[in-house]
Amino acid sequence: MPNQITGRLVYIGQPQEIPSKSGGNPFVKREFLLDATTHDPYTGERSQYENILPLEVSGDKCAELDQFRVGDVITVSFALQGREWTNQDGQVKRMVSVRCYKLEARRPAHQPAQATVQQPAYQPAPEPQPFPPAVDANGNPEDDLPF
């Protein structure tokens, strides 16, 4: 199973060209930020611990970001890659990169691709009734009914 994460796009950067040291074709990359902060499944309340991920795509995948807008919810499939090298001082350095290779828009199953989702307007909950109901000295419910 591939590594995947779903979140809301917060930022989409412009493509950047990095010149090749050997004089070949430049390396092209494009950064984006994904808000993958969790929500409580019962209350829908957003976690107090933000999870904003800086991710990037490279090469032909840079143009794929053009189909999305800030605020879109997407699923990103990625691979983790590690590198090790020795710097000028003889120290071994390591780094991990996240290589995003697939971007998919997320839509509810019942929603067509062209439709937009409208959130219902906030409706305050009705006043709760006291429980147990108030009773008089004889144990009868207190109410305004004449019978």
Protein backbone atom coordinates (compact mmCIF):
# COMPACT_ATOMS: atom_id res chain seq x y z
CA MET A 1 0.00 0.00 0.00
CA PRO A 2 1.43 3.40 -0.92
CA ASN A 3 2.05 6.16 1.58
CA GLN A 4 -0.80 8.65 1.31
CA ILE A 5 -1.99 11.72 3.15
CA THR A 6 -5.10 13.82 2.61
CA GLY A 7 -5.38 17.48 3.44
CA ARG A 8 -6.37 20.94 2.29
CA LEU A 9 -4.05 22.94 0.03
CA VAL A 10 -2.84 26.04 1.86
CA TYR A 11 -0.27 27.32 -0.64
CA ILE A 12 0.90 26.47 -4.16
CA GLY A 13 4.27 27.86 -5.20
CA GLN A 14 5.60 28.67 -8.64
CA PRO A 15 7.88 26.22 -10.48
CA GLN A 16 11.57 26.71 -9.73
CA GLU A 17 14.40 25.75 -12.06
CA ILE A 18 17.65 24.63 -10.51
CA PRO A 19 20.55 24.65 -12.97
CA SER A 20 22.43 21.42 -13.52
CA LYS A 21 26.03 21.42 -12.28
CA SER A 22 27.02 19.36 -15.31
CA GLY A 23 25.38 21.74 -17.79
CA GLY A 24 22.46 19.45 -18.63
CA ASN A 25 18.75 20.13 -18.31
CA PRO A 26 17.76 22.05 -15.19
CA PHE A 27 15.93 20.33 -12.34
CA VAL A 28 12.37 21.70 -11.96
CA LYS A 29 10.47 21.56 -8.67
CA ARG A 30 7.34 23.12 -7.22
CA GLU A 31 6.48 23.43 -3.56
CA PHE A 32 3.06 23.34 -1.92
CA LEU A 33 1.71 23.30 1.63
CA LEU A 34 -0.84 20.73 2.75
CA ASP A 35 -2.87 21.20 5.96
CA ALA A 36 -3.32 17.66 7.26
CA THR A 37 -4.43 18.69 10.76
CA THR A 38 -6.70 16.05 12.24
CA HIS A 39 -10.32 16.54 13.31
CA ASP A 40 -12.18 14.69 16.05
CA PRO A 41 -14.40 12.12 14.29
CA TYR A 42 -17.27 12.68 16.75
CA THR A 43 -17.34 16.43 17.26
CA GLY A 44 -15.60 17.56 14.07
CA GLU A 45 -13.42 19.81 16.23
CA ARG A 46 -10.01 20.64 14.75
CA SER A 47 -6.98 19.47 16.73
CA GLN A 48 -5.03 22.15 18.55
CA TYR A 49 -1.83 20.69 17.06
CA GLU A 50 -1.49 21.89 13.47
CA ASN A 51 0.02 19.59 10.87
CA ILE A 52 1.06 21.80 7.94
CA LEU A 53 3.34 19.83 5.61
CA PRO A 54 5.75 21.43 3.14
CA LEU A 55 5.76 19.11 0.12
CA GLU A 56 7.08 19.33 -3.43
CA VAL A 57 6.72 17.74 -6.82
CA SER A 58 9.33 17.68 -9.57
CA GLY A 59 9.59 17.35 -13.33
CA ASP A 60 6.33 16.76 -15.21
CA LYS A 61 4.33 16.68 -11.95
CA CYS A 62 4.82 20.44 -11.53
CA ALA A 63 2.13 21.15 -14.15
CA GLU A 64 -0.35 18.87 -12.32
CA LEU A 65 -0.61 21.41 -9.50
CA ASP A 66 -2.23 23.86 -11.97
CA GLN A 67 -5.49 21.88 -11.80
CA PHE A 68 -5.87 22.62 -8.07
CA ARG A 69 -6.63 25.78 -6.12
CA VAL A 70 -5.85 26.82 -2.56
CA GLY A 71 -8.60 25.34 -0.38
CA ASP A 72 -9.01 22.14 -2.44
CA VAL A 73 -8.82 18.86 -0.53
CA ILE A 74 -6.39 16.44 -2.15
CA THR A 75 -4.76 13.09 -1.47
CA VAL A 76 -1.03 12.92 -2.07
CA SER A 77 0.73 9.61 -2.71
CA PHE A 78 4.42 9.75 -1.86
CA ALA A 79 7.60 7.81 -1.32
CA LEU A 80 10.23 8.51 1.33
CA GLN A 81 13.79 8.68 0.05
CA GLY A 82 16.97 8.95 2.08
CA ARG A 83 20.42 10.08 1.10
CA GLU A 84 23.79 9.95 2.78
CA TRP A 85 26.94 11.85 1.86
CA THR A 86 30.21 13.02 3.36
CA ASN A 87 30.74 16.77 3.50
CA GLN A 88 34.03 18.67 3.08
CA ASP A 89 34.85 18.27 6.78
CA GLY A 90 34.51 14.48 6.59
CA GLN A 91 31.21 14.40 8.47
CA VAL A 92 28.58 11.95 7.28
CA LYS A 93 25.30 13.78 6.60
CA ARG A 94 21.88 12.29 6.02
CA MET A 95 18.63 13.70 4.73
CA VAL A 96 15.15 12.43 3.99
CA SER A 97 12.96 13.74 1.19
CA VAL A 98 9.31 13.15 0.42
CA ARG A 99 8.82 12.43 -3.30
CA CYS A 100 5.22 13.11 -4.25
CA TYR A 101 4.23 11.12 -7.32
CA LYS A 102 0.42 11.29 -7.43
CA LEU A 103 -2.07 14.07 -6.65
CA GLU A 104 -5.80 13.36 -6.54
CA ALA A 105 -8.73 15.65 -5.81
CA ARG A 106 -11.02 14.33 -3.07
CA ARG A 107 -14.79 14.53 -3.62
CA PRO A 108 -17.65 12.81 -1.84
CA ALA A 109 -18.90 9.77 -3.79
CA HIS A 110 -22.32 11.36 -4.42
CA GLN A 111 -20.91 14.67 -5.68
CA PRO A 112 -20.24 15.17 -9.41
CA ALA A 113 -16.86 16.58 -10.38
CA GLN A 114 -18.24 20.00 -11.40
CA ALA A 115 -20.44 20.65 -8.35
CA THR A 116 -19.37 22.79 -5.44
CA VAL A 117 -20.03 21.91 -1.84
CA GLN A 118 -22.12 24.36 0.14
CA GLN A 119 -22.00 24.14 3.90
CA PRO A 120 -25.40 24.52 5.60
CA ALA A 121 -25.91 27.74 7.54
CA TYR A 122 -25.32 27.50 11.27
CA GLN A 123 -28.53 26.79 13.18
CA PRO A 124 -28.38 27.13 16.97
CA ALA A 125 -29.68 24.10 18.86
CA PRO A 126 -33.07 24.50 20.54
CA GLU A 127 -33.11 25.12 24.29
CA PRO A 128 -32.92 21.80 26.11
CA GLN A 129 -35.89 20.77 28.27
CA PRO A 130 -35.06 20.23 31.95
CA PHE A 131 -34.75 16.61 32.98
CA PRO A 132 -36.35 15.31 35.04
CA PRO A 133 -39.36 17.60 34.54
CA ALA A 134 -40.39 19.80 37.46
CA VAL A 135 -43.10 18.31 39.74
CA ASP A 136 -45.33 19.82 42.42
CA ALA A 137 -45.61 18.61 46.06
CA ASN A 138 -47.96 15.77 45.01
CA GLY A 139 -45.55 14.45 42.37
CA ASN A 140 -47.60 15.78 39.45
CA PRO A 141 -45.77 17.48 36.55
CA GLU A 142 -45.82 21.26 36.76
CA ASP A 143 -47.31 22.60 33.55
CA ASP A 144 -49.74 25.25 32.33
CA LEU A 145 -52.28 22.79 30.92
CA PRO A 146 -55.87 23.29 32.27
CA PHE A 147 -56.69 19.54 32.42
